[in-house]
Amino acid sequence: MTETTIGHATCEADAVDRVDIRIEDDASPIVRLIGRTIADSVRANRADSVVEGVEGIVAVRSHDTPQAATISISNGVVAVSSGVFTSPDVTLTVDLNARLAPVGEPAGERDLVATSLALLSPPLPDWQVAAETFWAAARSVPGIPDVLVAVADGPDGLDQLVVGEGETHYVIAGPPELLAGIFSGADDLIAALSTGLIGVRGTLSQLSVLVAASWKVRYDV
């Protein structure tokens, strides 16, 4: 098995800490999702100090599908691989469509549980920043509209962001936190649409392309 490094973070305190996140070259969706989530945690400067001095094997299982992955933490390296083929120190059952939220109580060594939960729960970015980052990544998807219009319906009323320029456009509206989740990959677009909290305006073909773009960001492909 070969691995690809997908992210790292450095920070300066009393010492320089470093975390490398590695996944398989031909990674499964759950591995890519977990790897991208951990990378987001590291970039947000939440995970590097948490990983320092921690080692162990973490099994992550979907609560409603057969999907599973293993996180190995050792010497500042976090490696994610498909399946669970060894006895883990910690077992987490998570909801893949609820930002990897634990389902039931995690089992295993307490410090490693805390580290695992920190790695799997990055903070959401600002929805406008997330929209701009999303659209930059989505531009390579064939058929993507020229313009994304994001409308946030928050406590202070409606706020709109227009990204891109051209003749074709697509509108997506909803609560700021859910927009941030979709644009950052934390939330699955199809699952978000099923909640009724997200509204879209565009053609069915545009929706299909937008779903492809959201998967590109969610699974870092």
Foldseek 3Di string as FASTA:
>chain_A
DDKDWDAKAWDDDVHIFMATEIEDPPADQVQLLLSLLLRLLRVLVQQRVLLPPDFWKEKEAEPPDRWIWIWTRDPRYTYIYGDDDDDTQKYFYAHQQQQRHGDDDIDHDDSVVVSSVSSSDHDFDFLQVLQQVLVVQLPPQPPAFQKEWEWAQEPVGIDIDIDGDDDGYKYKYFHRVVSSCQSQLSHQPVVVVVVVRMDIDDDPVNVVSVNVSSSCNSSVD
